[in-house]
Amino acid sequence: MTTASRPDLIVNFVPTGMVPTKDVTPHVPITATEIIEQVHEAHAIGITVVHVHARHADGTPAWEPEIYGPILDGIRRHCPDLVICVSLSGRNYGEFEKRSAVLQARPDMASLTLGSLNFSREASVNSPEMIQRLAEAMAGHGVVPELECFDQGMINFAKYLAGKGILKPPFYFNVLVGNIATAQADLAQVALLLQNVPPGGLWSLGGIGDAQLRANALAIVEGGGVRVGLEDNIWFDTERTQLATNMSLLRRVHELASIFGRRAMTPAAFGALGFYNRHRSGIST
């Protein structure tokens, strides 16, 4: 592939997540104001989509639309073109009503994890019924699924649901590697995962902890997108001597991308591919 033919780089920014706390790293944005400010700064550097997690005042993960709403409103006020994705994670809340409630805030996208999995200290439970109900709820709100896949079986299930018409294009896969209980960031496993992303599907590669830099580098070289931010990795170096900031991680990705002739895809270009909420004003349905 020549430099001129390289696709623009989808930069999926994950600033907060559910796990990092101020006790672990002072750089993680927790409050609505902190999240909005960091997303605004990241937007100026160059991101395509932001993956938003909200927190309660005590730092625990939130699901309530009244907590997410001000965050989304603030991001839209400063970055009206930015594609906004929210979390429908099953790590802390199992009830469909809680997991789907944030769809009322009309994000552009929402995460849909395509199977159950274990993290280092807890499980994320996603039954086939729950996955299908969340997919149907997203469709009803004009929200595009962000297809989170941690192993080959989750990609297979996404293709199965697409065959049943439960998932419909456009397809965007967030492939995550490096979690101890799922796929790792070695070349063989990553190659198999990406080989099975369906034709026409867009993908980004994210890495947990030390795997983030390796995953980002592989994605940049192979023409995919990146997922980057403190949600997945709080350290700047593999020796874990320097805490990262969201901006330091993001700037490093841009430096790597420039070496390989990749520029960040604009939010508008990504949205125009079908990833804006179909109820957005001025967006064709």
Protein backbone atom coordinates (compact mmCIF):
# COMPACT_ATOMS: atom_id res chain seq x y z
CA MET A 1 0.00 0.00 0.00
CA THR A 2 1.41 3.36 -0.95
CA THR A 3 1.36 6.30 1.41
CA ALA A 4 -1.08 8.14 -0.84
CA SER A 5 -3.60 5.28 -0.62
CA ARG A 6 -3.52 4.88 3.14
CA PRO A 7 -6.94 5.52 4.71
CA ASP A 8 -7.36 8.21 7.29
CA LEU A 9 -6.87 7.04 10.87
CA ILE A 10 -9.92 6.59 13.06
CA VAL A 11 -8.86 7.89 16.49
CA ASN A 12 -11.20 6.52 19.16
CA PHE A 13 -10.51 8.50 22.33
CA VAL A 14 -11.28 6.75 25.66
CA PRO A 15 -10.49 9.27 28.40
CA THR A 16 -12.14 7.86 31.55
CA GLY A 17 -13.45 4.30 31.58
CA MET A 18 -14.88 2.57 34.65
CA VAL A 19 -11.75 1.61 36.57
CA PRO A 20 -9.09 4.36 36.95
CA THR A 21 -9.57 6.59 39.99
CA LYS A 22 -7.87 9.75 41.21
CA ASP A 23 -6.06 7.61 43.79
CA VAL A 24 -4.48 5.62 40.96
CA THR A 25 -3.76 8.54 38.64
CA PRO A 26 -4.59 12.22 39.14
CA HIS A 27 -4.83 12.64 35.37
CA VAL A 28 -8.05 10.68 34.79
CA PRO A 29 -11.06 12.96 34.20
CA ILE A 30 -13.94 12.06 36.51
CA THR A 31 -16.29 15.04 36.78
CA ALA A 32 -18.39 16.32 33.92
CA THR A 33 -16.27 19.45 33.69
CA GLU A 34 -13.02 17.48 33.58
CA ILE A 35 -14.32 15.13 30.89
CA ILE A 36 -15.68 17.95 28.74
CA GLU A 37 -12.45 19.94 29.00
CA GLN A 38 -10.24 16.98 28.11
CA VAL A 39 -12.44 15.99 25.18
CA HIS A 40 -12.30 19.59 23.94
CA GLU A 41 -8.50 19.56 24.18
CA ALA A 42 -8.31 16.18 22.45
CA HIS A 43 -10.59 17.39 19.69
CA ALA A 44 -8.14 20.22 18.99
CA ILE A 45 -5.29 17.69 18.72
CA GLY A 46 -7.31 15.40 16.48
CA ILE A 47 -9.80 12.66 17.35
CA THR A 48 -12.61 11.03 15.42
CA VAL A 49 -14.91 9.64 18.10
CA VAL A 50 -15.01 9.85 21.89
CA HIS A 51 -16.06 6.88 24.04
CA VAL A 52 -17.68 8.36 27.16
CA HIS A 53 -18.06 6.83 30.61
CA ALA A 54 -19.83 8.85 33.32
CA ARG A 55 -19.12 8.66 37.04
CA HIS A 56 -21.05 9.43 40.21
CA ALA A 57 -19.70 12.03 42.62
CA ASP A 58 -17.91 9.26 44.55
CA GLY A 59 -16.15 8.10 41.39
CA THR A 60 -18.17 4.94 40.82
CA PRO A 61 -19.55 4.18 37.33
CA ALA A 62 -22.87 5.84 36.51
CA TRP A 63 -25.68 4.77 34.20
CA GLU A 64 -28.21 7.55 34.75
CA PRO A 65 -29.13 9.73 31.76
CA GLU A 66 -29.21 12.78 34.03
CA ILE A 67 -25.50 12.25 34.73
CA TYR A 68 -24.54 11.49 31.14
CA GLY A 69 -26.71 14.26 29.71
CA PRO A 70 -24.65 17.28 30.86
CA ILE A 71 -21.45 15.60 29.66
CA LEU A 72 -22.86 14.98 26.19
CA ASP A 73 -24.35 18.48 26.05
CA GLY A 74 -21.01 20.03 27.02
CA ILE A 75 -19.11 18.03 24.41
CA ARG A 76 -21.62 18.95 21.72
CA ARG A 77 -21.42 22.61 22.67
CA HIS A 78 -17.64 22.71 22.19
CA CYS A 79 -17.25 20.00 19.53
CA PRO A 80 -20.50 19.85 17.55
CA ASP A 81 -19.06 17.61 14.83
CA LEU A 82 -17.58 15.02 17.18
CA VAL A 83 -19.02 11.50 17.06
CA ILE A 84 -20.03 10.62 20.64
CA CYS A 85 -20.20 7.04 21.88
CA VAL A 86 -21.44 6.03 25.33
CA SER A 87 -20.90 2.88 27.37
CA LEU A 88 -23.58 0.23 27.89
CA SER A 89 -21.21 -1.97 29.87
CA GLY A 90 -22.37 -4.95 31.89
CA ARG A 91 -19.51 -4.84 34.39
CA ASN A 92 -21.40 -3.02 37.14
CA TYR A 93 -25.06 -3.15 36.16
CA GLY A 94 -26.91 -6.15 34.82
CA GLU A 95 -30.42 -4.79 34.35
CA PHE A 96 -31.45 -3.95 30.80
CA GLU A 97 -33.24 -0.81 32.02
CA LYS A 98 -30.04 0.60 33.52
CA ARG A 99 -27.76 -0.47 30.69
CA SER A 100 -29.99 1.07 28.03
CA ALA A 101 -31.10 4.21 29.89
CA VAL A 102 -28.34 6.45 28.50
CA LEU A 103 -29.73 5.96 24.99
CA GLN A 104 -32.31 8.58 25.97
CA ALA A 105 -29.51 11.16 25.71
CA ARG A 106 -29.29 10.39 21.96
CA PRO A 107 -25.58 9.65 21.56
CA ASP A 108 -24.34 8.83 18.08
CA MET A 109 -23.00 5.42 19.11
CA ALA A 110 -23.07 3.06 22.08
CA SER A 111 -20.83 0.16 23.00
CA LEU A 112 -22.15 -3.34 22.42
CA THR A 113 -19.89 -6.05 23.85
CA LEU A 114 -20.57 -9.21 21.86
CA GLY A 115 -20.13 -11.73 24.66
CA SER A 116 -19.34 -12.31 28.31
CA LEU A 117 -15.74 -12.10 29.49
CA ASN A 118 -13.54 -11.97 32.56
CA PHE A 119 -11.30 -9.05 33.39
CA SER A 120 -8.52 -9.38 35.96
CA ARG A 121 -10.84 -8.80 38.94
CA GLU A 122 -14.40 -8.98 37.64
CA ALA A 123 -16.66 -10.25 34.91
CA SER A 124 -18.62 -8.46 32.23
CA VAL A 125 -21.78 -10.47 31.64
CA ASN A 126 -23.45 -10.15 28.25
CA SER A 127 -25.99 -12.86 27.50
CA PRO A 128 -27.18 -13.40 23.91
CA GLU A 129 -30.61 -12.09 24.91
CA MET A 130 -29.14 -8.94 26.48
CA ILE A 131 -26.96 -8.26 23.43
CA GLN A 132 -29.93 -8.53 21.11
CA ARG A 133 -32.16 -6.36 23.31
CA LEU A 134 -29.50 -3.66 23.51
CA ALA A 135 -28.98 -3.78 19.73
CA GLU A 136 -32.71 -3.39 19.16
CA ALA A 137 -32.91 -0.52 21.66
CA MET A 138 -30.05 1.25 19.88
CA ALA A 139 -31.84 0.90 16.55
CA GLY A 140 -34.96 2.42 18.08
CA HIS A 141 -33.01 5.47 19.23
CA GLY A 142 -31.08 5.92 15.98
CA VAL A 143 -27.83 4.91 17.70
CA VAL A 144 -25.08 2.96 15.91
CA PRO A 145 -23.46 0.07 17.82
CA GLU A 146 -19.76 0.20 18.55
CA LEU A 147 -19.05 -3.52 18.29
CA GLU A 148 -16.65 -4.40 21.11
CA CYS A 149 -14.86 -7.68 20.48
CA PHE A 150 -12.29 -9.21 22.81
CA ASP A 151 -11.90 -12.53 21.01
CA GLN A 152 -12.76 -14.42 17.85
CA GLY A 153 -16.09 -15.68 19.17
CA MET A 154 -17.39 -12.15 19.59
CA ILE A 155 -16.62 -11.32 15.97
CA ASN A 156 -18.37 -14.53 14.94
CA PHE A 157 -21.44 -13.54 16.98
CA ALA A 158 -21.51 -10.09 15.38
CA LYS A 159 -21.56 -11.72 11.96
CA TYR A 160 -24.33 -14.07 13.12
CA LEU A 161 -26.45 -11.15 14.33
CA ALA A 162 -25.82 -9.31 11.07
CA GLY A 163 -27.02 -12.37 9.17
CA LYS A 164 -30.22 -12.30 11.23
CA GLY A 165 -30.71 -8.58 10.47
CA ILE A 166 -30.35 -7.63 14.15
CA LEU A 167 -27.17 -5.72 13.37
CA LYS A 168 -27.12 -3.63 10.21
CA PRO A 169 -24.35 -1.71 8.46
CA PRO A 170 -22.34 0.37 8.81
CA PHE A 171 -20.21 -1.85 11.04
CA TYR A 172 -17.49 -0.49 13.30
CA PHE A 173 -15.49 -3.02 15.32
CA ASN A 174 -13.50 -2.06 18.38
CA VAL A 175 -11.10 -4.98 18.73
CA LEU A 176 -9.48 -5.08 22.18
CA VAL A 177 -6.42 -7.17 23.01
CA GLY A 178 -4.17 -7.61 26.02
CA ASN A 179 -6.81 -8.45 28.64
CA ILE A 180 -5.48 -11.43 30.56
CA ALA A 181 -8.53 -13.64 29.88
CA THR A 182 -9.05 -12.87 26.18
CA ALA A 183 -7.04 -12.30 22.99
CA GLN A 184 -3.48 -11.01 23.30
CA ALA A 185 -1.53 -8.43 21.31
CA ASP A 186 0.73 -10.86 19.47
CA LEU A 187 0.83 -10.88 15.68
CA ALA A 188 -0.83 -14.26 15.21
CA GLN A 189 -3.87 -13.49 17.37
CA VAL A 190 -4.32 -9.97 16.04
CA ALA A 191 -4.03 -11.17 12.43
CA LEU A 192 -6.72 -13.83 12.97
CA LEU A 193 -9.07 -11.34 14.60
CA LEU A 194 -8.71 -8.73 11.88
CA GLN A 195 -8.91 -11.32 9.12
CA ASN A 196 -12.42 -12.19 10.31
CA VAL A 197 -13.81 -8.65 10.45
CA PRO A 198 -16.45 -8.77 7.69
CA PRO A 199 -15.67 -7.07 4.36
CA GLY A 200 -16.59 -3.41 4.49
CA GLY A 201 -16.40 -3.29 8.27
CA LEU A 202 -14.26 -0.58 9.80
CA TRP A 203 -12.08 -1.45 12.77
CA SER A 204 -9.91 0.04 15.46
CA LEU A 205 -7.44 -1.84 17.62
CA GLY A 206 -7.10 -1.14 21.33
CA GLY A 207 -4.74 -2.59 23.88
CA ILE A 208 -5.18 -3.05 27.63
CA GLY A 209 -2.31 -1.77 29.79
CA ASP A 210 1.11 -2.43 28.29
CA ALA A 211 -0.56 -3.70 25.11
CA GLN A 212 -1.91 -0.27 24.17
CA LEU A 213 1.17 1.07 22.39
CA ARG A 214 1.76 -2.19 20.55
CA ALA A 215 -1.88 -2.40 19.47
CA ASN A 216 -1.89 1.22 18.31
CA ALA A 217 1.32 0.70 16.33
CA LEU A 218 -0.02 -2.45 14.64
CA ALA A 219 -3.25 -0.69 13.71
CA ILE A 220 -1.42 2.29 12.23
CA VAL A 221 0.80 0.03 10.12
CA GLU A 222 -2.10 -2.18 8.96
CA GLY A 223 -4.43 0.63 7.95
CA GLY A 224 -6.93 0.39 10.80
CA GLY A 225 -7.96 2.78 13.53
CA VAL A 226 -6.72 3.17 17.08
CA ARG A 227 -8.36 3.24 20.47
CA VAL A 228 -6.31 5.30 22.91
CA GLY A 229 -6.67 6.85 26.36
CA LEU A 230 -6.51 6.38 30.10
CA GLU A 231 -9.48 4.02 30.16
CA ASP A 232 -7.20 1.26 28.86
CA ASN A 233 -3.74 2.34 30.04
CA ILE A 234 -2.54 4.79 32.69
CA TRP A 235 1.22 4.46 32.01
CA PHE A 236 3.24 6.22 29.34
CA ASP A 237 6.13 3.74 29.42
CA THR A 238 6.19 -0.05 29.61
CA GLU A 239 8.43 0.14 32.68
CA ARG A 240 5.59 1.94 34.46
CA THR A 241 7.73 4.76 35.77
CA GLN A 242 5.76 7.65 34.21
CA LEU A 243 2.03 8.16 34.49
CA ALA A 244 0.45 9.10 31.20
CA THR A 245 -2.02 11.84 30.48
CA ASN A 246 -4.70 11.51 27.86
CA MET A 247 -2.97 14.18 25.79
CA SER A 248 0.46 12.54 25.99
CA LEU A 249 -0.99 9.25 24.75
CA LEU A 250 -2.90 11.01 22.01
CA ARG A 251 0.08 13.06 20.82
CA ARG A 252 2.21 9.90 20.66
CA VAL A 253 -0.37 8.26 18.41
CA HIS A 254 -0.26 11.28 16.10
CA GLU A 255 3.54 11.11 15.99
CA LEU A 256 3.42 7.43 15.04
CA ALA A 257 0.72 8.05 12.47
CA SER A 258 2.72 10.81 10.79
CA ILE A 259 5.66 8.44 10.29
CA PHE A 260 3.41 6.11 8.29
CA GLY A 261 1.58 8.81 6.39
CA ARG A 262 -1.68 8.47 8.30
CA ARG A 263 -3.72 11.51 9.24
CA ALA A 264 -6.62 11.48 11.68
CA MET A 265 -10.04 10.97 10.16
CA THR A 266 -12.26 13.94 10.88
CA PRO A 267 -15.42 13.35 12.90
CA ALA A 268 -17.49 14.68 9.99
CA ALA A 269 -15.95 12.17 7.58
CA PHE A 270 -16.65 9.31 10.00
CA GLY A 271 -20.15 10.55 10.72
CA ALA A 272 -20.89 10.80 7.00
CA LEU A 273 -20.19 7.08 6.67
CA GLY A 274 -23.31 6.47 8.77
CA PHE A 275 -22.01 6.80 12.31
CA TYR A 276 -23.93 9.91 13.37
CA ASN A 277 -27.21 9.32 15.21
CA ARG A 278 -29.82 9.20 12.49
CA HIS A 279 -31.96 11.70 14.43
CA ARG A 280 -29.24 14.37 14.40
CA SER A 281 -30.44 17.63 12.90
CA GLY A 282 -29.31 17.89 9.30
CA ILE A 283 -28.19 14.26 9.08
CA SER A 284 -29.87 12.21 6.41
CA THR A 285 -31.74 9.12 7.59
